[in-house]
Amino acid sequence: MGLLSSSTQLVHDSSMDNRTDPQYKLRMPPELRDKLKEAAKENHRTMNAEIIARLEASYGSSSISSDEGARALHEARQRLDALKAALDHALHEYDRIVRERTK
């Protein structure tokens, strides 16, 4: 695999809530870019968000607290349970309709 190289440029964009964020021009091998692009798609993130998440994970930092993460996980589980119940109900209803039509 080739070497990664980067350069830093400070940019101000008024659409960024009047913040000045560093931007990094990053060169990487095409194979690594493809892997990153696929991971971003699987995680429903932009490639930039995927890079940030992976860097934060590698440094053991997180942009959300453990309480916020636990709360978000709990809410996601509740939504998943509700979706499972709705799907289960729909499948039972479908089975009932099929049985009625085949009588």
PDB file of N, CA and C in Angstrom:
ATOM      1  N   MET A   1       0.851  -1.162   0.000  1.00  0.00           N
ATOM      2  CA  MET A   1       0.000   0.000   0.000  1.00  0.00           C
ATOM      3  C   MET A   1       0.897   1.225   0.000  1.00  0.00           C
ATOM      4  N   GLY A   2       0.494   2.275  -0.716  1.00  0.00           N
ATOM      5  CA  GLY A   2       1.287   3.481  -0.811  1.00  0.00           C
ATOM      6  C   GLY A   2       1.213   4.326   0.439  1.00  0.00           C
ATOM      7  N   LEU A   3       2.043   5.348   0.469  1.00  0.00           N
ATOM      8  CA  LEU A   3       2.058   6.275   1.597  1.00  0.00           C
ATOM      9  C   LEU A   3       0.910   7.252   1.499  1.00  0.00           C
ATOM     10  N   LEU A   4       0.411   7.664   2.650  1.00  0.00           N
ATOM     11  CA  LEU A   4      -0.617   8.689   2.704  1.00  0.00           C
ATOM     12  C   LEU A   4       0.076  10.023   2.895  1.00  0.00           C
ATOM     13  N   SER A   5      -0.411  11.048   2.231  1.00  0.00           N
ATOM     14  CA  SER A   5       0.143  12.376   2.437  1.00  0.00           C
ATOM     15  C   SER A   5      -1.003  13.357   2.580  1.00  0.00           C
ATOM     16  N   SER A   6      -0.749  14.456   3.275  1.00  0.00           N
ATOM     17  CA  SER A   6      -1.810  15.440   3.465  1.00  0.00           C
ATOM     18  C   SER A   6      -1.230  16.830   3.521  1.00  0.00           C
ATOM     19  N   SER A   7      -2.094  17.811   3.313  1.00  0.00           N
ATOM     20  CA  SER A   7      -1.729  19.207   3.490  1.00  0.00           C
ATOM     21  C   SER A   7      -2.876  19.876   4.217  1.00  0.00           C
ATOM     22  N   THR A   8      -2.586  20.949   4.937  1.00  0.00           N
ATOM     23  CA  THR A   8      -3.596  21.640   5.731  1.00  0.00           C
ATOM     24  C   THR A   8      -3.815  23.029   5.158  1.00  0.00           C
ATOM     25  N   GLN A   9      -5.081  23.425   5.106  1.00  0.00           N
ATOM     26  CA  GLN A   9      -5.422  24.751   4.628  1.00  0.00           C
ATOM     27  C   GLN A   9      -6.591  25.243   5.468  1.00  0.00           C
ATOM     28  N   LEU A  10      -6.458  26.410   6.106  1.00  0.00           N
ATOM     29  CA  LEU A  10      -7.561  26.986   6.849  1.00  0.00           C
ATOM     30  C   LEU A  10      -8.490  27.686   5.876  1.00  0.00           C
ATOM     31  N   VAL A  11      -9.779  27.382   6.007  1.00  0.00           N
ATOM     32  CA  VAL A  11     -10.769  27.927   5.096  1.00  0.00           C
ATOM     33  C   VAL A  11     -11.912  28.490   5.913  1.00  0.00           C
ATOM     34  N   HIS A  12     -12.439  29.621   5.506  1.00  0.00           N
ATOM     35  CA  HIS A  12     -13.628  30.152   6.166  1.00  0.00           C
ATOM     36  C   HIS A  12     -14.760  30.169   5.156  1.00  0.00           C
ATOM     37  N   ASP A  13     -15.854  29.545   5.533  1.00  0.00           N
ATOM     38  CA  ASP A  13     -17.039  29.467   4.688  1.00  0.00           C
ATOM     39  C   ASP A  13     -18.210  29.935   5.522  1.00  0.00           C
ATOM     40  N   SER A  14     -18.913  30.975   5.093  1.00  0.00           N
ATOM     41  CA  SER A  14     -20.008  31.526   5.897  1.00  0.00           C
ATOM     42  C   SER A  14     -21.133  30.539   6.090  1.00  0.00           C
ATOM     43  N   SER A  15     -21.236  29.500   5.265  1.00  0.00           N
ATOM     44  CA  SER A  15     -22.276  28.494   5.439  1.00  0.00           C
ATOM     45  C   SER A  15     -21.937  27.514   6.550  1.00  0.00           C
ATOM     46  N   MET A  16     -20.775  27.651   7.164  1.00  0.00           N
ATOM     47  CA  MET A  16     -20.348  26.749   8.230  1.00  0.00           C
ATOM     48  C   MET A  16     -20.553  27.391   9.602  1.00  0.00           C
ATOM     49  N   ASP A  17     -21.651  28.156   9.775  1.00  0.00           N
ATOM     50  CA  ASP A  17     -21.968  28.784  11.053  1.00  0.00           C
ATOM     51  C   ASP A  17     -20.845  29.690  11.531  1.00  0.00           C
ATOM     52  N   ASN A  18     -20.224  30.402  10.604  1.00  0.00           N
ATOM     53  CA  ASN A  18     -19.154  31.344  10.940  1.00  0.00           C
ATOM     54  C   ASN A  18     -17.996  30.695  11.688  1.00  0.00           C
ATOM     55  N   ARG A  19     -17.700  29.453  11.389  1.00  0.00           N
ATOM     56  CA  ARG A  19     -16.565  28.752  11.985  1.00  0.00           C
ATOM     57  C   ARG A  19     -15.433  28.701  10.981  1.00  0.00           C
ATOM     58  N   THR A  20     -14.252  28.538  11.503  1.00  0.00           N
ATOM     59  CA  THR A  20     -13.088  28.300  10.663  1.00  0.00           C
ATOM     60  C   THR A  20     -12.618  26.890  10.962  1.00  0.00           C
ATOM     61  N   ASP A  21     -12.826  25.979  10.033  1.00  0.00           N
ATOM     62  CA  ASP A  21     -12.448  24.581  10.214  1.00  0.00           C
ATOM     63  C   ASP A  21     -11.274  24.256   9.306  1.00  0.00           C
ATOM     64  N   PRO A  22     -10.326  23.485   9.812  1.00  0.00           N
ATOM     65  CA  PRO A  22      -9.227  23.075   8.937  1.00  0.00           C
ATOM     66  C   PRO A  22      -9.716  22.061   7.912  1.00  0.00           C
ATOM     67  N   GLN A  23      -9.207  22.174   6.730  1.00  0.00           N
ATOM     68  CA  GLN A  23      -9.490  21.192   5.689  1.00  0.00           C
ATOM     69  C   GLN A  23      -8.186  20.505   5.339  1.00  0.00           C
ATOM     70  N   TYR A  24      -8.272  19.211   5.057  1.00  0.00           N
ATOM     71  CA  TYR A  24      -7.094  18.433   4.719  1.00  0.00           C
ATOM     72  C   TYR A  24      -7.274  17.804   3.356  1.00  0.00           C
ATOM     73  N   LYS A  25      -6.339  18.097   2.492  1.00  0.00           N
ATOM     74  CA  LYS A  25      -6.327  17.442   1.194  1.00  0.00           C
ATOM     75  C   LYS A  25      -5.579  16.138   1.400  1.00  0.00           C
ATOM     76  N   LEU A  26      -6.236  15.027   1.144  1.00  0.00           N
ATOM     77  CA  LEU A  26      -5.681  13.717   1.470  1.00  0.00           C
ATOM     78  C   LEU A  26      -5.585  12.873   0.212  1.00  0.00           C
ATOM     79  N   ARG A  27      -4.417  12.307  -0.001  1.00  0.00           N
ATOM     80  CA  ARG A  27      -4.236  11.359  -1.101  1.00  0.00           C
ATOM     81  C   ARG A  27      -4.145   9.971  -0.501  1.00  0.00           C
ATOM     82  N   MET A  28      -4.831   9.019  -1.120  1.00  0.00           N
ATOM     83  CA  MET A  28      -4.791   7.637  -0.642  1.00  0.00           C
ATOM     84  C   MET A  28      -4.903   6.701  -1.830  1.00  0.00           C
ATOM     85  N   PRO A  29      -4.467   5.473  -1.651  1.00  0.00           N
ATOM     86  CA  PRO A  29      -4.583   4.499  -2.740  1.00  0.00           C
ATOM     87  C   PRO A  29      -6.045   4.266  -3.088  1.00  0.00           C
ATOM     88  N   PRO A  30      -6.335   4.024  -4.357  1.00  0.00           N
ATOM     89  CA  PRO A  30      -7.719   3.814  -4.783  1.00  0.00           C
ATOM     90  C   PRO A  30      -8.423   2.692  -4.020  1.00  0.00           C
ATOM     91  N   GLU A  31      -7.688   1.629  -3.687  1.00  0.00           N
ATOM     92  CA  GLU A  31      -8.299   0.506  -2.965  1.00  0.00           C
ATOM     93  C   GLU A  31      -8.786   0.945  -1.589  1.00  0.00           C
ATOM     94  N   LEU A  32      -7.996   1.770  -0.908  1.00  0.00           N
ATOM     95  CA  LEU A  32      -8.377   2.266   0.411  1.00  0.00           C
ATOM     96  C   LEU A  32      -9.573   3.210   0.294  1.00  0.00           C
ATOM     97  N   ARG A  33      -9.566   4.049  -0.734  1.00  0.00           N
ATOM     98  CA  ARG A  33     -10.694   4.955  -0.958  1.00  0.00           C
ATOM     99  C   ARG A  33     -11.975   4.154  -1.195  1.00  0.00           C
ATOM    100  N   ASP A  34     -11.884   3.085  -1.968  1.00  0.00           N
ATOM    101  CA  ASP A  34     -13.059   2.244  -2.225  1.00  0.00           C
ATOM    102  C   ASP A  34     -13.588   1.619  -0.938  1.00  0.00           C
ATOM    103  N   LYS A  35     -12.664   1.135  -0.086  1.00  0.00           N
ATOM    104  CA  LYS A  35     -13.076   0.561   1.195  1.00  0.00           C
ATOM    105  C   LYS A  35     -13.755   1.615   2.069  1.00  0.00           C
ATOM    106  N   LEU A  36     -13.180   2.810   2.090  1.00  0.00           N
ATOM    107  CA  LEU A  36     -13.744   3.900   2.884  1.00  0.00           C
ATOM    108  C   LEU A  36     -15.117   4.295   2.368  1.00  0.00           C
ATOM    109  N   LYS A  37     -15.252   4.374   1.056  1.00  0.00           N
ATOM    110  CA  LYS A  37     -16.530   4.735   0.451  1.00  0.00           C
ATOM    111  C   LYS A  37     -17.604   3.705   0.788  1.00  0.00           C
ATOM    112  N   GLU A  38     -17.255   2.424   0.730  1.00  0.00           N
ATOM    113  CA  GLU A  38     -18.205   1.352   1.049  1.00  0.00           C
ATOM    114  C   GLU A  38     -18.591   1.394   2.522  1.00  0.00           C
ATOM    115  N   ALA A  39     -17.614   1.609   3.401  1.00  0.00           N
ATOM    116  CA  ALA A  39     -17.903   1.692   4.842  1.00  0.00           C
ATOM    117  C   ALA A  39     -18.818   2.877   5.133  1.00  0.00           C
ATOM    118  N   ALA A  40     -18.572   4.004   4.482  1.00  0.00           N
ATOM    119  CA  ALA A  40     -19.417   5.186   4.679  1.00  0.00           C
ATOM    120  C   ALA A  40     -20.843   4.887   4.241  1.00  0.00           C
ATOM    121  N   LYS A  41     -20.986   4.197   3.122  1.00  0.00           N
ATOM    122  CA  LYS A  41     -22.320   3.842   2.635  1.00  0.00           C
ATOM    123  C   LYS A  41     -23.026   2.911   3.613  1.00  0.00           C
ATOM    124  N   GLU A  42     -22.319   1.909   4.107  1.00  0.00           N
ATOM    125  CA  GLU A  42     -22.906   0.955   5.052  1.00  0.00           C
ATOM    126  C   GLU A  42     -23.331   1.637   6.355  1.00  0.00           C
ATOM    127  N   ASN A  43     -22.561   2.655   6.766  1.00  0.00           N
ATOM    128  CA  ASN A  43     -22.840   3.360   8.015  1.00  0.00           C
ATOM    129  C   ASN A  43     -23.707   4.603   7.822  1.00  0.00           C
ATOM    130  N   HIS A  44     -24.196   4.799   6.596  1.00  0.00           N
ATOM    131  CA  HIS A  44     -25.051   5.949   6.268  1.00  0.00           C
ATOM    132  C   HIS A  44     -24.370   7.266   6.645  1.00  0.00           C
ATOM    133  N   ARG A  45     -23.120   7.400   6.236  1.00  0.00           N
ATOM    134  CA  ARG A  45     -22.332   8.596   6.517  1.00  0.00           C
ATOM    135  C   ARG A  45     -21.721   9.103   5.228  1.00  0.00           C
ATOM    136  N   THR A  46     -21.295  10.347   5.265  1.00  0.00           N
ATOM    137  CA  THR A  46     -20.467  10.851   4.184  1.00  0.00           C
ATOM    138  C   THR A  46     -19.075  10.257   4.377  1.00  0.00           C
ATOM    139  N   MET A  47     -18.252  10.335   3.363  1.00  0.00           N
ATOM    140  CA  MET A  47     -16.886   9.838   3.510  1.00  0.00           C
ATOM    141  C   MET A  47     -16.150  10.640   4.576  1.00  0.00           C
ATOM    142  N   ASN A  48     -16.383  11.947   4.633  1.00  0.00           N
ATOM    143  CA  ASN A  48     -15.748  12.781   5.649  1.00  0.00           C
ATOM    144  C   ASN A  48     -16.164  12.331   7.049  1.00  0.00           C
ATOM    145  N   ALA A  49     -17.463  12.095   7.251  1.00  0.00           N
ATOM    146  CA  ALA A  49     -17.951  11.652   8.561  1.00  0.00           C
ATOM    147  C   ALA A  49     -17.371  10.286   8.922  1.00  0.00           C
ATOM    148  N   GLU A  50     -17.196   9.423   7.936  1.00  0.00           N
ATOM    149  CA  GLU A  50     -16.608   8.101   8.181  1.00  0.00           C
ATOM    150  C   GLU A  50     -15.157   8.239   8.633  1.00  0.00           C
ATOM    151  N   ILE A  51     -14.414   9.106   7.965  1.00  0.00           N
ATOM    152  CA  ILE A  51     -13.012   9.332   8.350  1.00  0.00           C
ATOM    153  C   ILE A  51     -12.948   9.861   9.780  1.00  0.00           C
ATOM    154  N   ILE A  52     -13.799  10.832  10.105  1.00  0.00           N
ATOM    155  CA  ILE A  52     -13.800  11.420  11.445  1.00  0.00           C
ATOM    156  C   ILE A  52     -14.166  10.375  12.487  1.00  0.00           C
ATOM    157  N   ALA A  53     -15.198   9.579  12.225  1.00  0.00           N
ATOM    158  CA  ALA A  53     -15.613   8.543  13.176  1.00  0.00           C
ATOM    159  C   ALA A  53     -14.488   7.545  13.417  1.00  0.00           C
ATOM    160  N   ARG A  54     -13.802   7.160  12.354  1.00  0.00           N
ATOM    161  CA  ARG A  54     -12.724   6.191  12.502  1.00  0.00           C
ATOM    162  C   ARG A  54     -11.534   6.788  13.240  1.00  0.00           C
ATOM    163  N   LEU A  55     -11.232   8.050  12.976  1.00  0.00           N
ATOM    164  CA  LEU A  55     -10.138   8.697  13.708  1.00  0.00           C
ATOM    165  C   LEU A  55     -10.498   8.845  15.184  1.00  0.00           C
ATOM    166  N   GLU A  56     -11.716   9.272  15.462  1.00  0.00           N
ATOM    167  CA  GLU A  56     -12.139   9.404  16.856  1.00  0.00           C
ATOM    168  C   GLU A  56     -12.074   8.058  17.562  1.00  0.00           C
ATOM    169  N   ALA A  57     -12.512   6.999  16.903  1.00  0.00           N
ATOM    170  CA  ALA A  57     -12.476   5.671  17.504  1.00  0.00           C
ATOM    171  C   ALA A  57     -11.036   5.233  17.766  1.00  0.00           C
ATOM    172  N   SER A  58     -10.135   5.567  16.866  1.00  0.00           N
ATOM    173  CA  SER A  58      -8.743   5.148  17.041  1.00  0.00           C
ATOM    174  C   SER A  58      -8.075   5.883  18.188  1.00  0.00           C
ATOM    175  N   TYR A  59      -8.555   7.072  18.517  1.00  0.00           N
ATOM    176  CA  TYR A  59      -8.005   7.833  19.636  1.00  0.00           C
ATOM    177  C   TYR A  59      -8.837   7.659  20.903  1.00  0.00           C
ATOM    178  N   GLY A  60      -9.880   6.855  20.821  1.00  0.00           N
ATOM    179  CA  GLY A  60     -10.699   6.592  21.995  1.00  0.00           C
ATOM    180  C   GLY A  60     -11.564   7.760  22.398  1.00  0.00           C
ATOM    181  N   SER A  61     -11.797   8.694  21.489  1.00  0.00           N
ATOM    182  CA  SER A  61     -12.652   9.828  21.824  1.00  0.00           C
ATOM    183  C   SER A  61     -13.968   9.678  21.093  1.00  0.00           C
ATOM    184  N   SER A  62     -14.953  10.376  21.585  1.00  0.00           N
ATOM    185  CA  SER A  62     -16.269  10.337  20.972  1.00  0.00           C
ATOM    186  C   SER A  62     -16.884  11.708  21.044  1.00  0.00           C
ATOM    187  N   SER A  63     -17.672  12.048  20.056  1.00  0.00           N
ATOM    188  CA  SER A  63     -18.322  13.349  20.058  1.00  0.00           C
ATOM    189  C   SER A  63     -19.595  13.339  20.895  1.00  0.00           C
ATOM    190  N   ILE A  64     -20.009  12.158  21.387  1.00  0.00           N
ATOM    191  CA  ILE A  64     -21.179  12.097  22.258  1.00  0.00           C
ATOM    192  C   ILE A  64     -20.784  11.433  23.568  1.00  0.00           C
ATOM    193  N   SER A  65     -21.457  11.804  24.639  1.00  0.00           N
ATOM    194  CA  SER A  65     -21.160  11.226  25.939  1.00  0.00           C
ATOM    195  C   SER A  65     -21.714   9.808  26.006  1.00  0.00           C
ATOM    196  N   SER A  66     -21.253   9.044  26.981  1.00  0.00           N
ATOM    197  CA  SER A  66     -21.757   7.675  27.121  1.00  0.00           C
ATOM    198  C   SER A  66     -23.236   7.685  27.484  1.00  0.00           C
ATOM    199  N   ASP A  67     -23.691   8.694  28.257  1.00  0.00           N
ATOM    200  CA  ASP A  67     -25.123   8.799  28.570  1.00  0.00           C
ATOM    201  C   ASP A  67     -25.938   9.037  27.309  1.00  0.00           C
ATOM    202  N   GLU A  68     -25.442   9.930  26.456  1.00  0.00           N
ATOM    203  CA  GLU A  68     -26.147  10.202  25.195  1.00  0.00           C
ATOM    204  C   GLU A  68     -26.147   8.963  24.307  1.00  0.00           C
ATOM    205  N   GLY A  69     -25.036   8.263  24.272  1.00  0.00           N
ATOM    206  CA  GLY A  69     -24.950   7.050  23.467  1.00  0.00           C
ATOM    207  C   GLY A  69     -25.891   5.977  23.976  1.00  0.00           C
ATOM    208  N   ALA A  70     -25.956   5.813  25.305  1.00  0.00           N
ATOM    209  CA  ALA A  70     -26.853   4.819  25.891  1.00  0.00           C
ATOM    210  C   ALA A  70     -28.304   5.183  25.608  1.00  0.00           C
ATOM    211  N   ARG A  71     -28.633   6.458  25.707  1.00  0.00           N
ATOM    212  CA  ARG A  71     -29.995   6.916  25.434  1.00  0.00           C
ATOM    213  C   ARG A  71     -30.350   6.689  23.965  1.00  0.00           C
ATOM    214  N   ALA A  72     -29.424   7.025  23.072  1.00  0.00           N
ATOM    215  CA  ALA A  72     -29.669   6.823  21.639  1.00  0.00           C
ATOM    216  C   ALA A  72     -29.836   5.338  21.315  1.00  0.00           C
ATOM    217  N   LEU A  73     -29.022   4.496  21.951  1.00  0.00           N
ATOM    218  CA  LEU A  73     -29.133   3.055  21.733  1.00  0.00           C
ATOM    219  C   LEU A  73     -30.471   2.538  22.233  1.00  0.00           C
ATOM    220  N   HIS A  74     -30.897   2.994  23.404  1.00  0.00           N
ATOM    221  CA  HIS A  74     -32.186   2.584  23.964  1.00  0.00           C
ATOM    222  C   HIS A  74     -33.331   2.995  23.031  1.00  0.00           C
ATOM    223  N   GLU A  75     -33.283   4.236  22.533  1.00  0.00           N
ATOM    224  CA  GLU A  75     -34.331   4.710  21.619  1.00  0.00           C
ATOM    225  C   GLU A  75     -34.323   3.911  20.322  1.00  0.00           C
ATOM    226  N   ALA A  76     -33.143   3.580  19.823  1.00  0.00           N
ATOM    227  CA  ALA A  76     -33.049   2.786  18.593  1.00  0.00           C
ATOM    228  C   ALA A  76     -33.628   1.390  18.805  1.00  0.00           C
ATOM    229  N   ARG A  77     -33.355   0.814  19.968  1.00  0.00           N
ATOM    230  CA  ARG A  77     -33.913  -0.510  20.271  1.00  0.00           C
ATOM    231  C   ARG A  77     -35.431  -0.455  20.369  1.00  0.00           C
ATOM    232  N   GLN A  78     -35.955   0.613  20.967  1.00  0.00           N
ATOM    233  CA  GLN A  78     -37.413   0.760  21.058  1.00  0.00           C
ATOM    234  C   GLN A  78     -38.025   0.868  19.661  1.00  0.00           C
ATOM    235  N   ARG A  79     -37.401   1.656  18.791  1.00  0.00           N
ATOM    236  CA  ARG A  79     -37.910   1.791  17.416  1.00  0.00           C
ATOM    237  C   ARG A  79     -37.834   0.455  16.685  1.00  0.00           C
ATOM    238  N   LEU A  80     -36.737  -0.267  16.887  1.00  0.00           N
ATOM    239  CA  LEU A  80     -36.589  -1.577  16.256  1.00  0.00           C
ATOM    240  C   LEU A  80     -37.661  -2.541  16.752  1.00  0.00           C
ATOM    241  N   ASP A  81     -37.922  -2.546  18.057  1.00  0.00           N
ATOM    242  CA  ASP A  81     -38.975  -3.406  18.601  1.00  0.00           C
ATOM    243  C   ASP A  81     -40.336  -3.058  18.006  1.00  0.00           C
ATOM    244  N   ALA A  82     -40.613  -1.756  17.861  1.00  0.00           N
ATOM    245  CA  ALA A  82     -41.889  -1.331  17.274  1.00  0.00           C
ATOM    246  C   ALA A  82     -41.984  -1.771  15.819  1.00  0.00           C
ATOM    247  N   LEU A  83     -40.893  -1.660  15.073  1.00  0.00           N
ATOM    248  CA  LEU A  83     -40.882  -2.098  13.677  1.00  0.00           C
ATOM    249  C   LEU A  83     -41.070  -3.604  13.572  1.00  0.00           C
ATOM    250  N   LYS A  84     -40.434  -4.352  14.468  1.00  0.00           N
ATOM    251  CA  LYS A  84     -40.601  -5.812  14.473  1.00  0.00           C
ATOM    252  C   LYS A  84     -42.055  -6.180  14.746  1.00  0.00           C
ATOM    253  N   ALA A  85     -42.673  -5.500  15.705  1.00  0.00           N
ATOM    254  CA  ALA A  85     -44.078  -5.781  16.031  1.00  0.00           C
ATOM    255  C   ALA A  85     -44.979  -5.459  14.842  1.00  0.00           C
ATOM    256  N   ALA A  86     -44.724  -4.342  14.169  1.00  0.00           N
ATOM    257  CA  ALA A  86     -45.532  -3.964  13.008  1.00  0.00           C
ATOM    258  C   ALA A  86     -45.354  -4.980  11.877  1.00  0.00           C
ATOM    259  N   LEU A  87     -44.125  -5.424  11.649  1.00  0.00           N
ATOM    260  CA  LEU A  87     -43.868  -6.414  10.614  1.00  0.00           C
ATOM    261  C   LEU A  87     -44.536  -7.736  10.962  1.00  0.00           C
ATOM    262  N   ASP A  88     -44.437  -8.144  12.209  1.00  0.00           N
ATOM    263  CA  ASP A  88     -45.071  -9.377  12.655  1.00  0.00           C
ATOM    264  C   ASP A  88     -46.585  -9.313  12.440  1.00  0.00           C
ATOM    265  N   HIS A  89     -47.181  -8.180  12.787  1.00  0.00           N
ATOM    266  CA  HIS A  89     -48.618  -7.994  12.591  1.00  0.00           C
ATOM    267  C   HIS A  89     -48.976  -8.067  11.102  1.00  0.00           C
ATOM    268  N   ALA A  90     -48.175  -7.398  10.270  1.00  0.00           N
ATOM    269  CA  ALA A  90     -48.433  -7.408   8.830  1.00  0.00           C
ATOM    270  C   ALA A  90     -48.325  -8.816   8.255  1.00  0.00           C
ATOM    271  N   LEU A  91     -47.341  -9.583   8.717  1.00  0.00           N
ATOM    272  CA  LEU A  91     -47.188 -10.961   8.219  1.00  0.00           C
ATOM    273  C   LEU A  91     -48.351 -11.841   8.649  1.00  0.00           C
ATOM    274  N   HIS A  92     -48.816 -11.675   9.878  1.00  0.00           N
ATOM    275  CA  HIS A  92     -49.976 -12.447  10.336  1.00  0.00           C
ATOM    276  C   HIS A  92     -51.216 -12.076   9.530  1.00  0.00           C
ATOM    277  N   GLU A  93     -51.383 -10.802   9.255  1.00  0.00           N
ATOM    278  CA  GLU A  93     -52.529 -10.347   8.464  1.00  0.00           C
ATOM    279  C   GLU A  93     -52.445 -10.907   7.036  1.00  0.00           C
ATOM    280  N   TYR A  94     -51.246 -10.881   6.463  1.00  0.00           N
ATOM    281  CA  TYR A  94     -51.040 -11.437   5.133  1.00  0.00           C
ATOM    282  C   TYR A  94     -51.394 -12.927   5.118  1.00  0.00           C
ATOM    283  N   ASP A  95     -50.910 -13.670   6.103  1.00  0.00           N
ATOM    284  CA  ASP A  95     -51.226 -15.104   6.193  1.00  0.00           C
ATOM    285  C   ASP A  95     -52.725 -15.339   6.293  1.00  0.00           C
ATOM    286  N   ARG A  96     -53.412 -14.513   7.094  1.00  0.00           N
ATOM    287  CA  ARG A  96     -54.858 -14.646   7.254  1.00  0.00           C
ATOM    288  C   ARG A  96     -55.574 -14.435   5.928  1.00  0.00           C
ATOM    289  N   ILE A  97     -55.168 -13.409   5.188  1.00  0.00           N
ATOM    290  CA  ILE A  97     -55.797 -13.103   3.895  1.00  0.00           C
ATOM    291  C   ILE A  97     -55.543 -14.239   2.902  1.00  0.00           C
ATOM    292  N   VAL A  98     -54.328 -14.759   2.868  1.00  0.00           N
ATOM    293  CA  VAL A  98     -53.996 -15.850   1.956  1.00  0.00           C
ATOM    294  C   VAL A  98     -54.828 -17.083   2.300  1.00  0.00           C
ATOM    295  N   ARG A  99     -54.942 -17.396   3.585  1.00  0.00           N
ATOM    296  CA  ARG A  99     -55.750 -18.560   3.989  1.00  0.00           C
ATOM    297  C   ARG A  99     -57.216 -18.393   3.597  1.00  0.00           C
ATOM    298  N   GLU A 100     -57.776 -17.190   3.735  1.00  0.00           N
ATOM    299  CA  GLU A 100     -59.163 -16.948   3.356  1.00  0.00           C
ATOM    300  C   GLU A 100     -59.360 -17.120   1.859  1.00  0.00           C
ATOM    301  N   ARG A 101     -58.404 -16.681   1.064  1.00  0.00           N
ATOM    302  CA  ARG A 101     -58.550 -16.766  -0.388  1.00  0.00           C
ATOM    303  C   ARG A 101     -58.343 -18.161  -0.920  1.00  0.00           C
ATOM    304  N   THR A 102     -57.663 -19.008  -0.167  1.00  0.00           N
ATOM    305  CA  THR A 102     -57.414 -20.373  -0.652  1.00  0.00           C
ATOM    306  C   THR A 102     -58.459 -21.365  -0.159  1.00  0.00           C
ATOM    307  N   LYS A 103     -59.469 -20.883   0.572  1.00  0.00           N
ATOM    308  CA  LYS A 103     -60.545 -21.781   1.058  1.00  0.00           C
ATOM    309  C   LYS A 103     -61.504 -22.117  -0.055  1.00  0.00           C
TER     310      LYS A 103
END
